[in-house]
Amino acid sequence: MKTTRVILADDHDVVRAGIANALKDMSDLEIVGEVGDGASLFAALARHQPDCLLVDVTMPHFEPISSIQQIRATYPDLVILVVSAYDDDIYVQGLLGAGVNGYHLKDQPLNDLRLAVRRVLAGERWVSSSLVDKLLRAHHSAPNTPALTTRQRDLLRCLQQGLDNQAIAQQWN
C-alpha cells in the first residue's frame, strides 16, 4: 500500500496539532510537513512534493484564490482539501472554482475530517454537509434577489477571487 504524503498548512499551531492527531490513526498517511503561512507553504510544497495538502486559506502571506490557482498549476495532481472556519457560499464557490478538491469546516466532527480526507484521496469532491445545504439554498433563492449595483458586483468578484478586505481596499484606492 502506497503511503500518501501530506502537508498541513494552518496559521494556528494548535489546529495543526489537532488535525495531525486526528489523522495519526490513518496508517497510510504520512505528515511530511507543517507550515503556518503562505511563503512557508510554497517552500514546503517544493521541498516535500506531497500527494495531499490540507490547508486553511486564511493564513498570513496567502491570497486564497490566486495561491490555490498557482498551486494547482504547479502541482496538477496534488489533492487539496481546504479546512476552514469560513462558511460563506461565495468564498467556497470561488475556492472550488480555483481547483480545490474539497472544503471542510473546522467545526465538524473529527470523523468527518477523516472521511473528507479519504474521499478526496479517492478522487471525489468533498463539501461539508452544512455547506451543501447553504450552497443549495443560495442557488435556489438566487432568482428572487434584487439586481446588484456595479459596485456590489465588483465587490462580489473580489470576494469570489478570495481577496480579503485589505486587498479589496487597495484595489479601489
N, C-alpha and C. Protein backbone atom coordinates (compact mmCIF):
# COMPACT_ATOMS: atom_id res chain seq x y z
N MET A 1 0.84 -1.18 0.00
CA MET A 1 0.00 0.00 0.00
C MET A 1 0.89 1.24 0.00
N LYS A 2 0.58 2.17 -0.89
CA LYS A 2 1.35 3.40 -1.02
C LYS A 2 1.01 4.36 0.12
N THR A 3 2.02 4.98 0.68
CA THR A 3 1.81 5.98 1.72
C THR A 3 1.56 7.33 1.06
N THR A 4 0.50 8.00 1.50
CA THR A 4 0.15 9.33 1.00
C THR A 4 0.87 10.37 1.84
N ARG A 5 1.64 11.22 1.17
CA ARG A 5 2.42 12.26 1.84
C ARG A 5 1.57 13.53 1.95
N VAL A 6 1.45 14.06 3.16
CA VAL A 6 0.53 15.16 3.45
C VAL A 6 1.28 16.34 4.06
N ILE A 7 0.89 17.54 3.63
CA ILE A 7 1.34 18.77 4.28
C ILE A 7 0.12 19.42 4.94
N LEU A 8 0.31 19.87 6.17
CA LEU A 8 -0.72 20.61 6.91
C LEU A 8 -0.34 22.08 6.91
N ALA A 9 -1.27 22.95 6.51
CA ALA A 9 -0.99 24.38 6.47
C ALA A 9 -2.10 25.13 7.20
N ASP A 10 -1.77 25.68 8.34
CA ASP A 10 -2.71 26.47 9.13
C ASP A 10 -1.88 27.38 10.01
N ASP A 11 -2.32 28.62 10.19
CA ASP A 11 -1.52 29.56 10.97
C ASP A 11 -1.67 29.37 12.47
N HIS A 12 -2.47 28.42 12.91
CA HIS A 12 -2.62 28.15 14.34
C HIS A 12 -1.98 26.80 14.67
N ASP A 13 -0.95 26.83 15.51
CA ASP A 13 -0.24 25.61 15.89
C ASP A 13 -1.18 24.56 16.48
N VAL A 14 -2.10 25.00 17.32
CA VAL A 14 -2.99 24.06 18.00
C VAL A 14 -3.93 23.38 17.00
N VAL A 15 -4.34 24.09 15.96
CA VAL A 15 -5.20 23.49 14.93
C VAL A 15 -4.40 22.45 14.14
N ARG A 16 -3.19 22.80 13.76
CA ARG A 16 -2.35 21.83 13.05
C ARG A 16 -2.13 20.58 13.90
N ALA A 17 -1.88 20.77 15.19
CA ALA A 17 -1.68 19.62 16.09
C ALA A 17 -2.96 18.79 16.18
N GLY A 18 -4.10 19.44 16.22
CA GLY A 18 -5.36 18.71 16.29
C GLY A 18 -5.63 17.91 15.03
N ILE A 19 -5.34 18.51 13.88
CA ILE A 19 -5.52 17.80 12.60
C ILE A 19 -4.55 16.62 12.53
N ALA A 20 -3.31 16.85 12.90
CA ALA A 20 -2.32 15.77 12.88
C ALA A 20 -2.76 14.63 13.80
N ASN A 21 -3.27 14.99 14.96
CA ASN A 21 -3.74 13.98 15.90
C ASN A 21 -4.93 13.20 15.33
N ALA A 22 -5.82 13.90 14.65
CA ALA A 22 -7.00 13.25 14.06
C ALA A 22 -6.61 12.27 12.95
N LEU A 23 -5.50 12.56 12.27
CA LEU A 23 -5.08 11.73 11.14
C LEU A 23 -4.07 10.65 11.52
N LYS A 24 -3.57 10.67 12.75
CA LYS A 24 -2.48 9.75 13.11
C LYS A 24 -2.86 8.28 13.01
N ASP A 25 -4.14 7.95 13.16
CA ASP A 25 -4.57 6.56 13.06
C ASP A 25 -4.73 6.08 11.62
N MET A 26 -4.59 6.98 10.67
CA MET A 26 -4.69 6.61 9.26
C MET A 26 -3.29 6.17 8.82
N SER A 27 -3.04 4.89 8.91
CA SER A 27 -1.69 4.35 8.73
C SER A 27 -1.10 4.58 7.35
N ASP A 28 -1.94 4.84 6.36
CA ASP A 28 -1.43 5.05 5.00
C ASP A 28 -1.13 6.52 4.71
N LEU A 29 -1.20 7.38 5.74
CA LEU A 29 -0.86 8.79 5.60
C LEU A 29 0.42 9.09 6.38
N GLU A 30 1.23 9.96 5.81
CA GLU A 30 2.42 10.43 6.50
C GLU A 30 2.45 11.95 6.39
N ILE A 31 2.44 12.62 7.52
CA ILE A 31 2.53 14.08 7.52
C ILE A 31 4.00 14.43 7.36
N VAL A 32 4.33 15.01 6.21
CA VAL A 32 5.73 15.31 5.88
C VAL A 32 6.10 16.76 6.16
N GLY A 33 5.09 17.59 6.44
CA GLY A 33 5.39 18.98 6.72
C GLY A 33 4.20 19.69 7.34
N GLU A 34 4.53 20.68 8.17
CA GLU A 34 3.52 21.55 8.77
C GLU A 34 4.02 22.98 8.64
N VAL A 35 3.14 23.87 8.16
CA VAL A 35 3.52 25.27 7.96
C VAL A 35 2.41 26.19 8.47
N GLY A 36 2.78 27.46 8.69
CA GLY A 36 1.83 28.40 9.25
C GLY A 36 1.59 29.65 8.41
N ASP A 37 2.16 29.72 7.20
CA ASP A 37 1.92 30.89 6.34
C ASP A 37 2.16 30.51 4.89
N GLY A 38 1.77 31.40 4.00
CA GLY A 38 1.85 31.12 2.58
C GLY A 38 3.26 30.92 2.06
N ALA A 39 4.19 31.76 2.48
CA ALA A 39 5.56 31.63 2.00
C ALA A 39 6.15 30.28 2.39
N SER A 40 5.92 29.87 3.62
CA SER A 40 6.42 28.56 4.08
C SER A 40 5.73 27.43 3.34
N LEU A 41 4.47 27.62 2.99
CA LEU A 41 3.74 26.58 2.27
C LEU A 41 4.37 26.32 0.91
N PHE A 42 4.64 27.37 0.15
CA PHE A 42 5.22 27.19 -1.18
C PHE A 42 6.60 26.51 -1.09
N ALA A 43 7.38 26.88 -0.08
CA ALA A 43 8.69 26.24 0.11
C ALA A 43 8.52 24.77 0.47
N ALA A 44 7.56 24.45 1.35
CA ALA A 44 7.33 23.06 1.76
C ALA A 44 6.81 22.21 0.61
N LEU A 45 5.96 22.78 -0.23
CA LEU A 45 5.48 22.04 -1.39
C LEU A 45 6.63 21.66 -2.31
N ALA A 46 7.52 22.60 -2.56
CA ALA A 46 8.67 22.33 -3.43
C ALA A 46 9.61 21.31 -2.80
N ARG A 47 9.82 21.41 -1.50
CA ARG A 47 10.76 20.52 -0.81
C ARG A 47 10.21 19.10 -0.67
N HIS A 48 8.93 18.96 -0.30
CA HIS A 48 8.39 17.64 0.05
C HIS A 48 7.63 16.95 -1.08
N GLN A 49 7.17 17.71 -2.08
CA GLN A 49 6.40 17.13 -3.19
C GLN A 49 5.30 16.20 -2.66
N PRO A 50 4.37 16.72 -1.84
CA PRO A 50 3.35 15.87 -1.22
C PRO A 50 2.28 15.41 -2.23
N ASP A 51 1.49 14.47 -1.77
CA ASP A 51 0.34 13.99 -2.54
C ASP A 51 -0.92 14.75 -2.17
N CYS A 52 -0.94 15.30 -0.96
CA CYS A 52 -2.15 15.93 -0.43
C CYS A 52 -1.78 17.15 0.41
N LEU A 53 -2.61 18.17 0.32
CA LEU A 53 -2.45 19.40 1.10
C LEU A 53 -3.74 19.67 1.84
N LEU A 54 -3.65 19.76 3.16
CA LEU A 54 -4.78 20.22 3.98
C LEU A 54 -4.44 21.64 4.37
N VAL A 55 -5.26 22.59 3.93
CA VAL A 55 -4.88 24.00 4.05
C VAL A 55 -6.03 24.86 4.55
N ASP A 56 -5.69 25.74 5.49
CA ASP A 56 -6.60 26.82 5.87
C ASP A 56 -6.19 28.00 5.01
N VAL A 57 -7.10 28.52 4.24
CA VAL A 57 -6.75 29.54 3.26
C VAL A 57 -6.71 30.96 3.84
N THR A 58 -6.91 31.10 5.14
CA THR A 58 -6.79 32.41 5.76
C THR A 58 -5.53 32.43 6.63
N MET A 59 -4.40 32.40 5.95
CA MET A 59 -3.09 32.45 6.62
C MET A 59 -2.37 33.71 6.18
N PRO A 60 -1.39 34.16 6.96
CA PRO A 60 -0.57 35.29 6.52
C PRO A 60 0.14 34.97 5.20
N HIS A 61 0.30 35.98 4.38
CA HIS A 61 1.02 35.88 3.10
C HIS A 61 0.43 34.81 2.18
N PHE A 62 -0.90 34.75 2.16
CA PHE A 62 -1.58 33.74 1.34
C PHE A 62 -2.88 34.35 0.81
N GLU A 63 -2.90 34.67 -0.48
CA GLU A 63 -4.13 35.13 -1.13
C GLU A 63 -4.85 33.88 -1.62
N PRO A 64 -5.99 33.57 -1.06
CA PRO A 64 -6.61 32.26 -1.29
C PRO A 64 -6.78 31.84 -2.76
N ILE A 65 -7.48 32.60 -3.54
CA ILE A 65 -7.79 32.16 -4.91
C ILE A 65 -6.53 32.11 -5.77
N SER A 66 -5.77 33.18 -5.79
CA SER A 66 -4.58 33.18 -6.65
C SER A 66 -3.55 32.16 -6.19
N SER A 67 -3.41 31.96 -4.90
CA SER A 67 -2.46 30.97 -4.40
C SER A 67 -2.89 29.56 -4.76
N ILE A 68 -4.17 29.27 -4.61
CA ILE A 68 -4.67 27.94 -4.97
C ILE A 68 -4.50 27.71 -6.47
N GLN A 69 -4.79 28.73 -7.27
CA GLN A 69 -4.60 28.59 -8.72
C GLN A 69 -3.13 28.33 -9.05
N GLN A 70 -2.22 29.02 -8.37
CA GLN A 70 -0.79 28.81 -8.60
C GLN A 70 -0.37 27.40 -8.17
N ILE A 71 -0.85 26.96 -7.02
CA ILE A 71 -0.54 25.61 -6.55
C ILE A 71 -1.08 24.58 -7.53
N ARG A 72 -2.31 24.77 -7.98
CA ARG A 72 -2.94 23.83 -8.91
C ARG A 72 -2.15 23.77 -10.23
N ALA A 73 -1.68 24.92 -10.71
CA ALA A 73 -0.92 24.96 -11.96
C ALA A 73 0.45 24.28 -11.81
N THR A 74 1.07 24.47 -10.66
CA THR A 74 2.40 23.90 -10.43
C THR A 74 2.34 22.41 -10.07
N TYR A 75 1.31 22.03 -9.33
CA TYR A 75 1.16 20.65 -8.86
C TYR A 75 -0.22 20.12 -9.26
N PRO A 76 -0.43 19.83 -10.53
CA PRO A 76 -1.77 19.47 -11.02
C PRO A 76 -2.35 18.21 -10.39
N ASP A 77 -1.52 17.31 -9.90
CA ASP A 77 -2.02 16.06 -9.30
C ASP A 77 -2.20 16.14 -7.79
N LEU A 78 -1.83 17.27 -7.20
CA LEU A 78 -1.95 17.44 -5.75
C LEU A 78 -3.41 17.48 -5.35
N VAL A 79 -3.76 16.72 -4.33
CA VAL A 79 -5.11 16.75 -3.78
C VAL A 79 -5.15 17.85 -2.72
N ILE A 80 -6.09 18.78 -2.86
CA ILE A 80 -6.17 19.93 -1.96
C ILE A 80 -7.50 19.92 -1.23
N LEU A 81 -7.43 19.83 0.09
CA LEU A 81 -8.62 19.91 0.94
C LEU A 81 -8.49 21.15 1.82
N VAL A 82 -9.41 22.08 1.64
CA VAL A 82 -9.46 23.27 2.49
C VAL A 82 -10.12 22.87 3.81
N VAL A 83 -9.50 23.27 4.92
CA VAL A 83 -10.07 23.05 6.25
C VAL A 83 -10.18 24.44 6.86
N SER A 84 -11.41 24.96 6.93
CA SER A 84 -11.59 26.37 7.27
C SER A 84 -12.77 26.59 8.20
N ALA A 85 -12.76 27.73 8.85
CA ALA A 85 -13.89 28.13 9.68
C ALA A 85 -14.91 28.94 8.89
N TYR A 86 -14.54 29.40 7.70
CA TYR A 86 -15.40 30.27 6.90
C TYR A 86 -16.39 29.45 6.08
N ASP A 87 -17.67 29.80 6.22
CA ASP A 87 -18.70 29.06 5.51
C ASP A 87 -19.48 29.93 4.53
N ASP A 88 -18.88 31.01 4.08
CA ASP A 88 -19.53 31.90 3.12
C ASP A 88 -19.61 31.19 1.77
N ASP A 89 -20.83 31.09 1.21
CA ASP A 89 -21.02 30.32 -0.02
C ASP A 89 -20.26 30.90 -1.21
N ILE A 90 -20.12 32.20 -1.32
CA ILE A 90 -19.38 32.80 -2.42
C ILE A 90 -17.89 32.44 -2.30
N TYR A 91 -17.38 32.50 -1.09
CA TYR A 91 -15.98 32.16 -0.81
C TYR A 91 -15.72 30.70 -1.17
N VAL A 92 -16.61 29.82 -0.73
CA VAL A 92 -16.47 28.38 -1.00
C VAL A 92 -16.52 28.13 -2.51
N GLN A 93 -17.47 28.74 -3.20
CA GLN A 93 -17.58 28.56 -4.65
C GLN A 93 -16.32 29.04 -5.36
N GLY A 94 -15.76 30.14 -4.91
CA GLY A 94 -14.54 30.65 -5.51
C GLY A 94 -13.37 29.69 -5.36
N LEU A 95 -13.23 29.09 -4.20
CA LEU A 95 -12.15 28.14 -3.97
C LEU A 95 -12.36 26.84 -4.73
N LEU A 96 -13.60 26.38 -4.78
CA LEU A 96 -13.88 25.18 -5.58
C LEU A 96 -13.59 25.46 -7.05
N GLY A 97 -13.94 26.65 -7.51
CA GLY A 97 -13.65 27.03 -8.89
C GLY A 97 -12.16 27.17 -9.16
N ALA A 98 -11.40 27.52 -8.14
CA ALA A 98 -9.94 27.66 -8.29
C ALA A 98 -9.23 26.32 -8.34
N GLY A 99 -9.93 25.26 -7.94
CA GLY A 99 -9.33 23.94 -8.10
C GLY A 99 -9.15 23.10 -6.86
N VAL A 100 -9.71 23.51 -5.71
CA VAL A 100 -9.59 22.63 -4.55
C VAL A 100 -10.48 21.41 -4.74
N ASN A 101 -10.09 20.31 -4.12
CA ASN A 101 -10.85 19.07 -4.23
C ASN A 101 -11.95 18.97 -3.19
N GLY A 102 -11.83 19.75 -2.14
CA GLY A 102 -12.84 19.69 -1.10
C GLY A 102 -12.75 20.87 -0.16
N TYR A 103 -13.84 21.08 0.59
CA TYR A 103 -13.92 22.18 1.54
C TYR A 103 -14.57 21.63 2.80
N HIS A 104 -13.80 21.60 3.88
CA HIS A 104 -14.26 21.03 5.14
C HIS A 104 -14.28 22.11 6.22
N LEU A 105 -15.35 22.17 6.97
CA LEU A 105 -15.47 23.16 8.04
C LEU A 105 -14.82 22.64 9.32
N LYS A 106 -14.11 23.54 10.01
CA LYS A 106 -13.39 23.17 11.23
C LYS A 106 -14.31 22.77 12.37
N ASP A 107 -15.56 23.19 12.34
CA ASP A 107 -16.45 22.87 13.45
C ASP A 107 -17.12 21.50 13.32
N GLN A 108 -16.75 20.73 12.32
CA GLN A 108 -17.33 19.41 12.10
C GLN A 108 -16.57 18.36 12.92
N PRO A 109 -17.21 17.23 13.18
CA PRO A 109 -16.55 16.17 13.97
C PRO A 109 -15.27 15.66 13.30
N LEU A 110 -14.34 15.18 14.11
CA LEU A 110 -13.07 14.66 13.59
C LEU A 110 -13.28 13.48 12.65
N ASN A 111 -14.28 12.66 12.90
CA ASN A 111 -14.57 11.55 11.99
C ASN A 111 -14.91 12.06 10.60
N ASP A 112 -15.59 13.21 10.53
CA ASP A 112 -15.90 13.80 9.22
C ASP A 112 -14.64 14.28 8.51
N LEU A 113 -13.67 14.78 9.28
CA LEU A 113 -12.40 15.19 8.67
C LEU A 113 -11.69 13.99 8.06
N ARG A 114 -11.65 12.90 8.81
CA ARG A 114 -11.02 11.69 8.27
C ARG A 114 -11.76 11.21 7.02
N LEU A 115 -13.07 11.26 7.05
CA LEU A 115 -13.87 10.87 5.88
C LEU A 115 -13.59 11.80 4.71
N ALA A 116 -13.48 13.09 4.98
CA ALA A 116 -13.19 14.06 3.92
C ALA A 116 -11.84 13.75 3.26
N VAL A 117 -10.84 13.45 4.07
CA VAL A 117 -9.52 13.12 3.54
C VAL A 117 -9.62 11.86 2.67
N ARG A 118 -10.29 10.85 3.17
CA ARG A 118 -10.46 9.60 2.39
C ARG A 118 -11.15 9.88 1.05
N ARG A 119 -12.20 10.67 1.10
CA ARG A 119 -12.98 10.93 -0.12
C ARG A 119 -12.16 11.68 -1.16
N VAL A 120 -11.47 12.74 -0.76
CA VAL A 120 -10.71 13.50 -1.76
C VAL A 120 -9.53 12.68 -2.28
N LEU A 121 -8.96 11.85 -1.43
CA LEU A 121 -7.87 10.99 -1.91
C LEU A 121 -8.37 9.92 -2.87
N ALA A 122 -9.66 9.58 -2.76
CA ALA A 122 -10.26 8.61 -3.67
C ALA A 122 -10.73 9.26 -4.98
N GLY A 123 -10.47 10.57 -5.11
CA GLY A 123 -10.84 11.25 -6.34
C GLY A 123 -12.21 11.89 -6.33
N GLU A 124 -12.86 11.90 -5.19
CA GLU A 124 -14.18 12.50 -5.07
C GLU A 124 -14.06 13.95 -4.58
N ARG A 125 -15.14 14.69 -4.73
CA ARG A 125 -15.22 16.05 -4.16
C ARG A 125 -15.78 15.91 -2.75
N TRP A 126 -15.42 16.85 -1.88
CA TRP A 126 -15.97 16.88 -0.53
C TRP A 126 -16.37 18.30 -0.20
N VAL A 127 -17.58 18.45 0.29
CA VAL A 127 -18.05 19.71 0.84
C VAL A 127 -18.83 19.35 2.09
N SER A 128 -18.49 19.99 3.22
CA SER A 128 -19.18 19.71 4.48
C SER A 128 -20.68 19.83 4.28
N SER A 129 -21.43 18.93 4.94
CA SER A 129 -22.87 18.85 4.70
C SER A 129 -23.59 20.17 4.99
N SER A 130 -23.19 20.90 6.03
CA SER A 130 -23.86 22.17 6.31
C SER A 130 -23.62 23.18 5.19
N LEU A 131 -22.48 23.08 4.52
CA LEU A 131 -22.19 23.95 3.39
C LEU A 131 -23.02 23.57 2.17
N VAL A 132 -23.22 22.29 1.97
CA VAL A 132 -24.03 21.84 0.83
C VAL A 132 -25.42 22.43 0.94
N ASP A 133 -26.01 22.35 2.13
CA ASP A 133 -27.34 22.93 2.33
C ASP A 133 -27.34 24.43 2.04
N LYS A 134 -26.33 25.12 2.53
CA LYS A 134 -26.24 26.56 2.33
C LYS A 134 -26.05 26.90 0.85
N LEU A 135 -25.21 26.15 0.16
CA LEU A 135 -24.98 26.38 -1.27
C LEU A 135 -26.26 26.12 -2.08
N LEU A 136 -26.98 25.09 -1.71
CA LEU A 136 -28.23 24.79 -2.42
C LEU A 136 -29.28 25.86 -2.17
N ARG A 137 -29.39 26.32 -0.92
CA ARG A 137 -30.35 27.39 -0.61
C ARG A 137 -30.01 28.65 -1.38
N ALA A 138 -28.72 28.99 -1.44
CA ALA A 138 -28.29 30.19 -2.16
C ALA A 138 -28.60 30.05 -3.65
N HIS A 139 -28.40 28.86 -4.19
CA HIS A 139 -28.66 28.62 -5.61
C HIS A 139 -30.15 28.73 -5.92
N HIS A 140 -30.99 28.18 -5.05
CA HIS A 140 -32.43 28.21 -5.30
C HIS A 140 -33.05 29.57 -5.05
N SER A 141 -32.45 30.37 -4.18
CA SER A 141 -33.03 31.67 -3.88
C SER A 141 -32.53 32.77 -4.81
N ALA A 142 -31.57 32.47 -5.64
CA ALA A 142 -30.95 33.49 -6.49
C ALA A 142 -31.94 34.24 -7.38
N PRO A 143 -32.92 33.60 -8.02
CA PRO A 143 -33.81 34.34 -8.90
C PRO A 143 -34.60 35.45 -8.20
N ASN A 144 -34.81 35.35 -6.91
CA ASN A 144 -35.60 36.33 -6.18
C ASN A 144 -34.77 37.48 -5.63
N THR A 145 -33.46 37.46 -5.87
CA THR A 145 -32.62 38.50 -5.31
C THR A 145 -32.70 39.76 -6.17
N PRO A 146 -32.62 40.92 -5.54
CA PRO A 146 -32.68 42.17 -6.31
C PRO A 146 -31.42 42.35 -7.15
N ALA A 147 -31.51 43.18 -8.16
CA ALA A 147 -30.36 43.48 -9.01
C ALA A 147 -29.29 44.18 -8.19
N LEU A 148 -28.04 43.87 -8.48
CA LEU A 148 -26.93 44.48 -7.77
C LEU A 148 -26.40 45.69 -8.52
N THR A 149 -25.87 46.63 -7.77
CA THR A 149 -25.23 47.77 -8.40
C THR A 149 -23.89 47.33 -8.98
N THR A 150 -23.30 48.16 -9.81
CA THR A 150 -22.00 47.86 -10.40
C THR A 150 -20.96 47.68 -9.31
N ARG A 151 -20.99 48.54 -8.33
CA ARG A 151 -20.03 48.47 -7.21
C ARG A 151 -20.20 47.16 -6.44
N GLN A 152 -21.44 46.74 -6.20
CA GLN A 152 -21.68 45.49 -5.50
C GLN A 152 -21.18 44.29 -6.31
N ARG A 153 -21.37 44.32 -7.62
CA ARG A 153 -20.87 43.23 -8.48
C ARG A 153 -19.35 43.20 -8.46
N ASP A 154 -18.71 44.38 -8.47
CA ASP A 154 -17.25 44.43 -8.38
C ASP A 154 -16.77 43.83 -7.05
N LEU A 155 -17.46 44.17 -5.98
CA LEU A 155 -17.11 43.64 -4.67
C LEU A 155 -17.27 42.11 -4.64
N LEU A 156 -18.34 41.62 -5.22
CA LEU A 156 -18.55 40.17 -5.27
C LEU A 156 -17.46 39.47 -6.07
N ARG A 157 -17.02 40.08 -7.16
CA ARG A 157 -15.94 39.50 -7.95
C ARG A 157 -14.66 39.41 -7.10
N CYS A 158 -14.40 40.44 -6.33
CA CYS A 158 -13.22 40.43 -5.46
C CYS A 158 -13.34 39.32 -4.41
N LEU A 159 -14.51 39.18 -3.83
CA LEU A 159 -14.73 38.14 -2.83
C LEU A 159 -14.60 36.76 -3.45
N GLN A 160 -15.11 36.61 -4.66
CA GLN A 160 -15.02 35.32 -5.34
C GLN A 160 -13.56 34.98 -5.63
N GLN A 161 -12.74 35.97 -5.84
CA GLN A 161 -11.31 35.76 -6.06
C GLN A 161 -10.59 35.44 -4.75
N GLY A 162 -11.31 35.58 -3.63
CA GLY A 162 -10.72 35.27 -2.34
C GLY A 162 -9.96 36.42 -1.71
N LEU A 163 -10.14 37.62 -2.23
CA LEU A 163 -9.42 38.77 -1.68
C LEU A 163 -9.96 39.13 -0.31
N ASP A 164 -9.08 39.53 0.58
CA ASP A 164 -9.52 39.98 1.90
C ASP A 164 -9.83 41.47 1.85
N ASN A 165 -10.32 42.02 2.96
CA ASN A 165 -10.72 43.43 3.00
C ASN A 165 -9.59 44.37 2.61
N GLN A 166 -8.39 44.09 3.09
CA GLN A 166 -7.25 44.96 2.79
C GLN A 166 -6.93 44.94 1.30
N ALA A 167 -6.93 43.79 0.70
CA ALA A 167 -6.63 43.68 -0.74
C ALA A 167 -7.71 44.38 -1.57
N ILE A 168 -8.96 44.25 -1.16
CA ILE A 168 -10.05 44.92 -1.88
C ILE A 168 -9.89 46.43 -1.76
N ALA A 169 -9.58 46.90 -0.57
CA ALA A 169 -9.42 48.34 -0.36
C ALA A 169 -8.25 48.88 -1.20
N GLN A 170 -7.17 48.12 -1.31
CA GLN A 170 -6.04 48.55 -2.12
C GLN A 170 -6.41 48.64 -3.59
N GLN A 171 -7.26 47.76 -4.06
CA GLN A 171 -7.69 47.80 -5.46
C GLN A 171 -8.51 49.05 -5.76
N TRP A 172 -9.26 49.51 -4.80
CA TRP A 172 -10.16 50.63 -5.02
C TRP A 172 -9.58 51.96 -4.59
N ASN A 173 -8.33 51.99 -4.22
CA ASN A 173 -7.68 53.27 -3.87
C ASN A 173 -6.98 53.86 -5.05
